[in-house]
N, C-alpha and C. Protein backbone atom coordinates (compact mmCIF):
# COMPACT_ATOMS: atom_id res chain seq x y z
N MET A 1 0.82 -1.19 0.00
CA MET A 1 0.00 0.00 0.00
C MET A 1 0.87 1.26 0.00
N THR A 2 1.70 1.44 1.02
CA THR A 2 2.54 2.63 1.09
C THR A 2 3.59 2.60 -0.01
N LYS A 3 3.96 3.77 -0.51
CA LYS A 3 5.00 3.85 -1.53
C LYS A 3 6.36 4.09 -0.89
N LEU A 4 6.36 4.35 0.42
CA LEU A 4 7.63 4.57 1.13
C LEU A 4 8.37 3.25 1.26
N LYS A 5 9.70 3.33 1.16
CA LYS A 5 10.50 2.11 1.27
C LYS A 5 11.81 2.40 2.01
N LYS A 6 12.51 1.31 2.32
CA LYS A 6 13.81 1.40 2.97
C LYS A 6 14.69 2.41 2.25
N GLY A 7 15.34 3.28 3.00
CA GLY A 7 16.25 4.25 2.40
C GLY A 7 15.60 5.60 2.10
N ASP A 8 14.26 5.66 2.10
CA ASP A 8 13.57 6.93 1.87
C ASP A 8 13.66 7.80 3.13
N LYS A 9 13.57 9.10 2.92
CA LYS A 9 13.48 10.02 4.06
C LYS A 9 12.05 9.91 4.60
N ALA A 10 11.92 9.80 5.91
CA ALA A 10 10.59 9.72 6.52
C ALA A 10 9.89 11.06 6.34
N PRO A 11 8.58 11.02 6.08
CA PRO A 11 7.84 12.29 5.94
C PRO A 11 7.81 13.04 7.27
N SER A 12 7.99 14.36 7.20
CA SER A 12 7.87 15.10 8.45
C SER A 12 6.38 15.15 8.80
N PHE A 13 6.09 15.18 10.08
CA PHE A 13 4.70 15.18 10.51
C PHE A 13 4.58 15.98 11.80
N SER A 14 3.36 16.33 12.11
CA SER A 14 3.04 16.98 13.37
C SER A 14 1.62 16.55 13.73
N ALA A 15 1.46 15.99 14.92
CA ALA A 15 0.13 15.53 15.36
C ALA A 15 0.08 15.56 16.88
N LEU A 16 -1.14 15.61 17.39
CA LEU A 16 -1.36 15.63 18.83
C LEU A 16 -1.52 14.21 19.37
N ASP A 17 -0.98 14.00 20.57
CA ASP A 17 -1.16 12.70 21.21
C ASP A 17 -2.42 12.72 22.08
N GLN A 18 -2.60 11.63 22.84
CA GLN A 18 -3.81 11.47 23.65
C GLN A 18 -3.97 12.57 24.70
N ASP A 19 -2.89 13.28 25.04
CA ASP A 19 -2.97 14.34 26.05
C ASP A 19 -2.92 15.74 25.44
N GLY A 20 -2.95 15.82 24.09
CA GLY A 20 -2.91 17.12 23.44
C GLY A 20 -1.50 17.66 23.24
N LYS A 21 -0.48 16.84 23.46
CA LYS A 21 0.91 17.25 23.25
C LYS A 21 1.27 16.99 21.79
N THR A 22 1.94 17.98 21.17
CA THR A 22 2.34 17.85 19.77
C THR A 22 3.61 17.00 19.64
N HIS A 23 3.61 16.12 18.66
CA HIS A 23 4.80 15.33 18.32
C HIS A 23 5.14 15.60 16.87
N THR A 24 6.44 15.80 16.59
CA THR A 24 6.89 15.98 15.21
C THR A 24 8.05 15.01 14.97
N LEU A 25 8.34 14.75 13.71
CA LEU A 25 9.47 13.88 13.39
C LEU A 25 10.75 14.48 13.97
N ALA A 26 10.91 15.80 13.90
CA ALA A 26 12.12 16.47 14.38
C ALA A 26 12.35 16.25 15.88
N ASP A 27 11.27 16.02 16.64
CA ASP A 27 11.41 15.76 18.08
C ASP A 27 12.26 14.53 18.35
N TYR A 28 12.37 13.66 17.37
CA TYR A 28 13.03 12.37 17.57
C TYR A 28 14.40 12.29 16.90
N ASN A 29 14.93 13.44 16.45
CA ASN A 29 16.29 13.45 15.87
C ASN A 29 17.26 12.86 16.89
N GLY A 30 18.14 11.97 16.42
CA GLY A 30 19.13 11.36 17.32
C GLY A 30 18.62 10.10 18.00
N LYS A 31 17.36 9.77 17.78
CA LYS A 31 16.79 8.53 18.33
C LYS A 31 16.24 7.71 17.17
N LYS A 32 16.20 6.41 17.37
CA LYS A 32 15.47 5.58 16.41
C LYS A 32 14.00 5.68 16.77
N LEU A 33 13.15 5.67 15.77
CA LEU A 33 11.72 5.84 16.02
C LEU A 33 10.93 4.75 15.32
N VAL A 34 10.05 4.12 16.08
CA VAL A 34 9.11 3.14 15.53
C VAL A 34 7.76 3.83 15.47
N VAL A 35 7.22 4.00 14.26
CA VAL A 35 5.89 4.58 14.08
C VAL A 35 4.98 3.45 13.62
N PHE A 36 4.07 3.04 14.50
CA PHE A 36 3.18 1.94 14.11
C PHE A 36 1.76 2.47 13.92
N PHE A 37 1.21 2.17 12.75
CA PHE A 37 -0.14 2.58 12.40
C PHE A 37 -1.07 1.40 12.64
N TYR A 38 -2.18 1.67 13.30
CA TYR A 38 -3.15 0.61 13.57
C TYR A 38 -4.55 1.12 13.27
N PRO A 39 -5.45 0.21 12.85
CA PRO A 39 -6.78 0.63 12.39
C PRO A 39 -7.66 1.30 13.45
N LYS A 40 -7.75 0.74 14.66
CA LYS A 40 -8.69 1.31 15.63
C LYS A 40 -8.32 0.93 17.06
N ALA A 41 -8.29 1.94 17.93
CA ALA A 41 -7.98 1.73 19.34
C ALA A 41 -8.98 0.75 19.97
N SER A 42 -8.46 -0.06 20.88
CA SER A 42 -9.26 -0.98 21.70
C SER A 42 -9.93 -2.11 20.92
N THR A 43 -9.52 -2.37 19.69
CA THR A 43 -10.01 -3.54 18.96
C THR A 43 -9.02 -4.68 19.22
N PRO A 44 -9.44 -5.93 19.03
CA PRO A 44 -8.59 -7.06 19.44
C PRO A 44 -7.18 -7.07 18.83
N GLY A 45 -7.07 -6.94 17.51
CA GLY A 45 -5.74 -7.00 16.88
C GLY A 45 -4.85 -5.84 17.30
N CYS A 46 -5.44 -4.66 17.38
CA CYS A 46 -4.67 -3.47 17.74
C CYS A 46 -4.21 -3.55 19.20
N THR A 47 -5.08 -4.09 20.05
CA THR A 47 -4.73 -4.25 21.46
C THR A 47 -3.59 -5.27 21.60
N THR A 48 -3.69 -6.39 20.89
CA THR A 48 -2.64 -7.42 20.94
C THR A 48 -1.30 -6.84 20.49
N GLU A 49 -1.32 -6.09 19.37
CA GLU A 49 -0.09 -5.50 18.83
C GLU A 49 0.52 -4.51 19.83
N ALA A 50 -0.29 -3.57 20.31
CA ALA A 50 0.23 -2.54 21.21
C ALA A 50 0.71 -3.14 22.54
N CYS A 51 0.02 -4.17 23.04
CA CYS A 51 0.44 -4.82 24.28
C CYS A 51 1.77 -5.56 24.09
N ASP A 52 1.98 -6.16 22.93
CA ASP A 52 3.26 -6.80 22.65
C ASP A 52 4.39 -5.77 22.66
N LEU A 53 4.13 -4.60 22.07
CA LEU A 53 5.15 -3.54 22.07
C LEU A 53 5.38 -3.03 23.50
N ARG A 54 4.29 -2.89 24.26
CA ARG A 54 4.41 -2.47 25.67
C ARG A 54 5.25 -3.46 26.47
N ASP A 55 4.96 -4.75 26.28
CA ASP A 55 5.65 -5.78 27.05
C ASP A 55 7.13 -5.88 26.72
N ASN A 56 7.52 -5.33 25.57
CA ASN A 56 8.92 -5.35 25.14
C ASN A 56 9.54 -3.96 25.17
N PHE A 57 8.87 -3.02 25.83
CA PHE A 57 9.30 -1.62 25.80
C PHE A 57 10.73 -1.42 26.29
N GLU A 58 11.12 -2.17 27.31
CA GLU A 58 12.49 -2.05 27.83
C GLU A 58 13.52 -2.44 26.77
N ARG A 59 13.19 -3.43 25.96
CA ARG A 59 14.10 -3.82 24.87
C ARG A 59 14.25 -2.67 23.87
N PHE A 60 13.15 -2.00 23.57
CA PHE A 60 13.21 -0.86 22.65
C PHE A 60 14.07 0.26 23.25
N GLN A 61 13.83 0.57 24.53
CA GLN A 61 14.60 1.62 25.18
C GLN A 61 16.09 1.29 25.20
N ALA A 62 16.41 0.03 25.47
CA ALA A 62 17.81 -0.40 25.52
C ALA A 62 18.51 -0.21 24.18
N ASN A 63 17.72 -0.20 23.09
CA ASN A 63 18.28 -0.03 21.75
C ASN A 63 18.06 1.38 21.19
N ASN A 64 17.76 2.35 22.08
CA ASN A 64 17.59 3.76 21.72
C ASN A 64 16.40 4.03 20.81
N TYR A 65 15.33 3.24 20.98
CA TYR A 65 14.11 3.45 20.19
C TYR A 65 13.06 4.20 20.99
N ALA A 66 12.36 5.11 20.30
CA ALA A 66 11.13 5.69 20.82
C ALA A 66 10.00 5.05 20.01
N LEU A 67 8.81 4.97 20.59
CA LEU A 67 7.66 4.40 19.88
C LEU A 67 6.53 5.41 19.82
N LEU A 68 5.83 5.41 18.69
CA LEU A 68 4.63 6.22 18.52
C LEU A 68 3.57 5.38 17.84
N GLY A 69 2.41 5.28 18.47
CA GLY A 69 1.27 4.62 17.83
C GLY A 69 0.42 5.67 17.14
N VAL A 70 -0.14 5.33 15.99
CA VAL A 70 -0.96 6.30 15.24
C VAL A 70 -2.22 5.62 14.71
N SER A 71 -3.37 6.25 14.96
CA SER A 71 -4.62 5.85 14.32
C SER A 71 -5.46 7.11 14.14
N ALA A 72 -6.59 6.98 13.50
CA ALA A 72 -7.46 8.13 13.25
C ALA A 72 -8.46 8.34 14.40
N ASP A 73 -8.24 7.66 15.51
CA ASP A 73 -9.13 7.80 16.66
C ASP A 73 -9.00 9.18 17.30
N SER A 74 -10.01 9.57 18.06
CA SER A 74 -10.00 10.84 18.78
C SER A 74 -9.00 10.80 19.93
N GLN A 75 -8.65 11.98 20.45
CA GLN A 75 -7.77 12.03 21.63
C GLN A 75 -8.39 11.25 22.78
N LYS A 76 -9.69 11.39 22.95
CA LYS A 76 -10.38 10.70 24.05
C LYS A 76 -10.25 9.17 23.91
N ALA A 77 -10.46 8.66 22.70
CA ALA A 77 -10.35 7.21 22.46
C ALA A 77 -8.91 6.74 22.68
N GLN A 78 -7.94 7.54 22.22
CA GLN A 78 -6.53 7.17 22.39
C GLN A 78 -6.16 7.20 23.88
N SER A 79 -6.69 8.18 24.60
CA SER A 79 -6.40 8.31 26.02
C SER A 79 -6.95 7.10 26.80
N LYS A 80 -8.19 6.72 26.49
CA LYS A 80 -8.79 5.54 27.14
C LYS A 80 -7.97 4.28 26.84
N PHE A 81 -7.57 4.11 25.57
CA PHE A 81 -6.80 2.94 25.13
C PHE A 81 -5.47 2.90 25.90
N LYS A 82 -4.78 4.03 25.95
CA LYS A 82 -3.48 4.12 26.61
C LYS A 82 -3.61 3.82 28.11
N ASP A 83 -4.63 4.43 28.75
CA ASP A 83 -4.81 4.25 30.19
C ASP A 83 -5.21 2.82 30.54
N LYS A 84 -6.12 2.26 29.74
CA LYS A 84 -6.63 0.92 30.02
C LYS A 84 -5.51 -0.12 29.99
N PHE A 85 -4.58 0.04 29.05
CA PHE A 85 -3.52 -0.97 28.88
C PHE A 85 -2.15 -0.48 29.34
N ASP A 86 -2.12 0.72 29.94
CA ASP A 86 -0.89 1.25 30.54
C ASP A 86 0.27 1.29 29.54
N PHE A 87 0.02 1.85 28.37
CA PHE A 87 1.08 1.94 27.36
C PHE A 87 2.09 3.02 27.75
N PRO A 88 3.39 2.71 27.66
CA PRO A 88 4.42 3.67 28.05
C PRO A 88 4.83 4.59 26.89
N PHE A 89 4.09 4.57 25.80
CA PHE A 89 4.42 5.39 24.62
C PHE A 89 3.18 6.18 24.21
N PRO A 90 3.40 7.34 23.54
CA PRO A 90 2.27 8.17 23.11
C PRO A 90 1.49 7.53 21.96
N LEU A 91 0.21 7.87 21.89
CA LEU A 91 -0.66 7.45 20.80
C LEU A 91 -1.17 8.72 20.12
N LEU A 92 -0.85 8.87 18.84
CA LEU A 92 -1.27 10.07 18.12
C LEU A 92 -2.72 9.93 17.66
N ALA A 93 -3.47 10.98 17.87
CA ALA A 93 -4.88 11.04 17.45
C ALA A 93 -4.90 11.79 16.12
N ASP A 94 -4.73 11.05 15.04
CA ASP A 94 -4.59 11.64 13.69
C ASP A 94 -5.96 11.71 13.01
N GLU A 95 -6.87 12.48 13.62
CA GLU A 95 -8.25 12.51 13.12
C GLU A 95 -8.36 13.07 11.71
N ASP A 96 -7.47 14.01 11.35
CA ASP A 96 -7.54 14.56 9.98
C ASP A 96 -6.75 13.71 8.99
N LYS A 97 -6.15 12.62 9.50
CA LYS A 97 -5.40 11.65 8.69
C LYS A 97 -4.19 12.27 7.97
N SER A 98 -3.64 13.35 8.52
CA SER A 98 -2.49 13.99 7.86
C SER A 98 -1.23 13.12 7.96
N VAL A 99 -1.01 12.48 9.11
CA VAL A 99 0.15 11.60 9.27
C VAL A 99 -0.09 10.30 8.49
N ILE A 100 -1.30 9.79 8.62
CA ILE A 100 -1.69 8.57 7.90
C ILE A 100 -1.49 8.76 6.39
N GLY A 101 -1.90 9.92 5.90
CA GLY A 101 -1.74 10.24 4.47
C GLY A 101 -0.29 10.41 4.08
N ALA A 102 0.49 11.10 4.93
CA ALA A 102 1.91 11.33 4.62
C ALA A 102 2.67 10.02 4.48
N PHE A 103 2.30 9.03 5.30
CA PHE A 103 2.98 7.73 5.26
C PHE A 103 2.30 6.77 4.26
N GLY A 104 1.18 7.18 3.72
CA GLY A 104 0.52 6.38 2.67
C GLY A 104 -0.08 5.08 3.15
N VAL A 105 -0.67 5.08 4.34
CA VAL A 105 -1.22 3.82 4.87
C VAL A 105 -2.75 3.80 4.87
N TRP A 106 -3.38 4.74 4.18
CA TRP A 106 -4.84 4.77 4.07
C TRP A 106 -5.22 4.23 2.70
N GLY A 107 -6.20 3.36 2.63
CA GLY A 107 -6.62 2.86 1.33
C GLY A 107 -7.65 1.78 1.43
N PRO A 108 -8.00 1.20 0.28
CA PRO A 108 -9.04 0.17 0.24
C PRO A 108 -8.63 -1.09 1.01
N LYS A 109 -9.59 -1.63 1.74
CA LYS A 109 -9.39 -2.85 2.51
C LYS A 109 -10.59 -3.75 2.31
N LYS A 110 -10.41 -5.01 2.64
CA LYS A 110 -11.52 -5.98 2.60
C LYS A 110 -11.61 -6.65 3.94
N PHE A 111 -12.83 -6.81 4.44
CA PHE A 111 -13.04 -7.55 5.68
C PHE A 111 -14.37 -8.25 5.57
N MET A 112 -14.36 -9.56 5.71
CA MET A 112 -15.56 -10.38 5.62
C MET A 112 -16.36 -10.05 4.36
N GLY A 113 -15.65 -9.94 3.24
CA GLY A 113 -16.30 -9.71 1.95
C GLY A 113 -16.73 -8.27 1.70
N ARG A 114 -16.52 -7.40 2.68
CA ARG A 114 -16.93 -6.01 2.52
C ARG A 114 -15.70 -5.17 2.18
N GLU A 115 -15.84 -4.27 1.23
CA GLU A 115 -14.74 -3.36 0.89
C GLU A 115 -14.99 -1.99 1.48
N TYR A 116 -13.95 -1.38 2.00
CA TYR A 116 -14.05 -0.05 2.60
C TYR A 116 -12.65 0.56 2.66
N ASP A 117 -12.57 1.85 2.92
CA ASP A 117 -11.27 2.50 3.09
C ASP A 117 -10.91 2.53 4.56
N GLY A 118 -9.65 2.28 4.85
CA GLY A 118 -9.20 2.28 6.23
C GLY A 118 -7.69 2.31 6.32
N ILE A 119 -7.21 2.21 7.55
CA ILE A 119 -5.78 2.24 7.82
C ILE A 119 -5.21 0.84 7.64
N HIS A 120 -4.15 0.75 6.86
CA HIS A 120 -3.43 -0.52 6.71
C HIS A 120 -2.43 -0.62 7.86
N ARG A 121 -2.50 -1.71 8.62
CA ARG A 121 -1.59 -1.92 9.75
C ARG A 121 -0.17 -2.01 9.20
N THR A 122 0.61 -0.98 9.47
CA THR A 122 1.95 -0.86 8.91
C THR A 122 2.86 -0.22 9.95
N THR A 123 4.10 -0.66 10.00
CA THR A 123 5.07 -0.10 10.93
C THR A 123 6.30 0.39 10.17
N PHE A 124 6.75 1.58 10.54
CA PHE A 124 7.95 2.18 9.96
C PHE A 124 9.01 2.29 11.05
N VAL A 125 10.22 1.80 10.73
CA VAL A 125 11.35 1.95 11.62
C VAL A 125 12.25 3.02 11.00
N ILE A 126 12.45 4.11 11.74
CA ILE A 126 13.16 5.28 11.23
C ILE A 126 14.44 5.45 12.03
N ASP A 127 15.57 5.68 11.34
CA ASP A 127 16.84 5.81 12.05
C ASP A 127 17.03 7.20 12.65
N GLU A 128 18.16 7.41 13.30
CA GLU A 128 18.44 8.66 14.02
C GLU A 128 18.46 9.88 13.12
N ASN A 129 18.64 9.66 11.82
CA ASN A 129 18.72 10.77 10.86
C ASN A 129 17.44 10.95 10.04
N GLY A 130 16.37 10.25 10.43
CA GLY A 130 15.10 10.42 9.74
C GLY A 130 14.96 9.60 8.47
N ILE A 131 15.82 8.59 8.31
CA ILE A 131 15.76 7.71 7.13
C ILE A 131 15.04 6.41 7.52
N ILE A 132 14.15 5.96 6.65
CA ILE A 132 13.41 4.73 6.92
C ILE A 132 14.34 3.52 6.80
N GLU A 133 14.44 2.77 7.90
CA GLU A 133 15.27 1.56 7.95
C GLU A 133 14.49 0.33 7.54
N ASP A 134 13.18 0.36 7.85
CA ASP A 134 12.37 -0.82 7.55
C ASP A 134 10.90 -0.40 7.46
N VAL A 135 10.17 -1.10 6.59
CA VAL A 135 8.73 -0.93 6.48
C VAL A 135 8.13 -2.32 6.65
N ILE A 136 7.32 -2.50 7.69
CA ILE A 136 6.72 -3.80 7.97
C ILE A 136 5.24 -3.72 7.62
N THR A 137 4.85 -4.43 6.57
CA THR A 137 3.45 -4.41 6.15
C THR A 137 2.72 -5.68 6.57
N ASP A 138 3.48 -6.75 6.82
CA ASP A 138 2.88 -8.01 7.26
C ASP A 138 3.09 -8.12 8.77
N VAL A 139 2.35 -7.29 9.51
CA VAL A 139 2.53 -7.20 10.96
C VAL A 139 1.96 -8.44 11.65
N LYS A 140 2.78 -9.06 12.47
CA LYS A 140 2.35 -10.16 13.32
C LYS A 140 2.01 -9.56 14.68
N THR A 141 0.71 -9.41 14.97
CA THR A 141 0.30 -8.66 16.16
C THR A 141 0.83 -9.26 17.46
N LYS A 142 0.96 -10.59 17.53
CA LYS A 142 1.39 -11.24 18.77
C LYS A 142 2.91 -11.21 18.94
N ALA A 143 3.65 -10.93 17.87
CA ALA A 143 5.12 -10.97 17.94
C ALA A 143 5.72 -9.79 17.18
N HIS A 144 5.07 -8.65 17.29
CA HIS A 144 5.51 -7.51 16.49
C HIS A 144 6.85 -6.95 16.97
N ALA A 145 7.10 -6.95 18.28
CA ALA A 145 8.37 -6.45 18.80
C ALA A 145 9.53 -7.23 18.19
N ASN A 146 9.38 -8.55 18.09
CA ASN A 146 10.45 -9.37 17.51
C ASN A 146 10.65 -9.06 16.03
N GLN A 147 9.56 -8.73 15.31
CA GLN A 147 9.69 -8.35 13.91
C GLN A 147 10.56 -7.10 13.77
N ILE A 148 10.40 -6.16 14.69
CA ILE A 148 11.12 -4.89 14.63
C ILE A 148 12.55 -5.05 15.12
N LEU A 149 12.73 -5.78 16.20
CA LEU A 149 14.04 -5.85 16.87
C LEU A 149 14.93 -6.99 16.37
N GLN A 150 14.47 -7.76 15.41
CA GLN A 150 15.25 -8.92 14.96
C GLN A 150 16.60 -8.52 14.40
């Protein structure tokens, strides 16, 4: 779905998290950044994926990674999701889909024979200089941390 690939410069972005704090790509200069896009807060697959990342958060920190979750949910929905599962990373409330659009993860999907537009579960690993190191489109929700840290 996304046209971004390994070696591309990550798109600059600016979005509010669940607490109304602005996050931009530039905020993460000098750190590796994992930006994971998920379809909807508090749904089974998204919860499994985010909990796997939470449970491995120390491994990410040990490797100089910051994590950002992104969906088109409201700040309120992101805040409830974060609080309920005690996520140690911010969740961006990209209601206008500006970040989702910049990374190219919005598009046609199929579920139970129905076609609709939505967020494609995709993760971008960005290096300290803002260059994409990896694009994971076949996300394994139960073992996503291992996919990123392998």
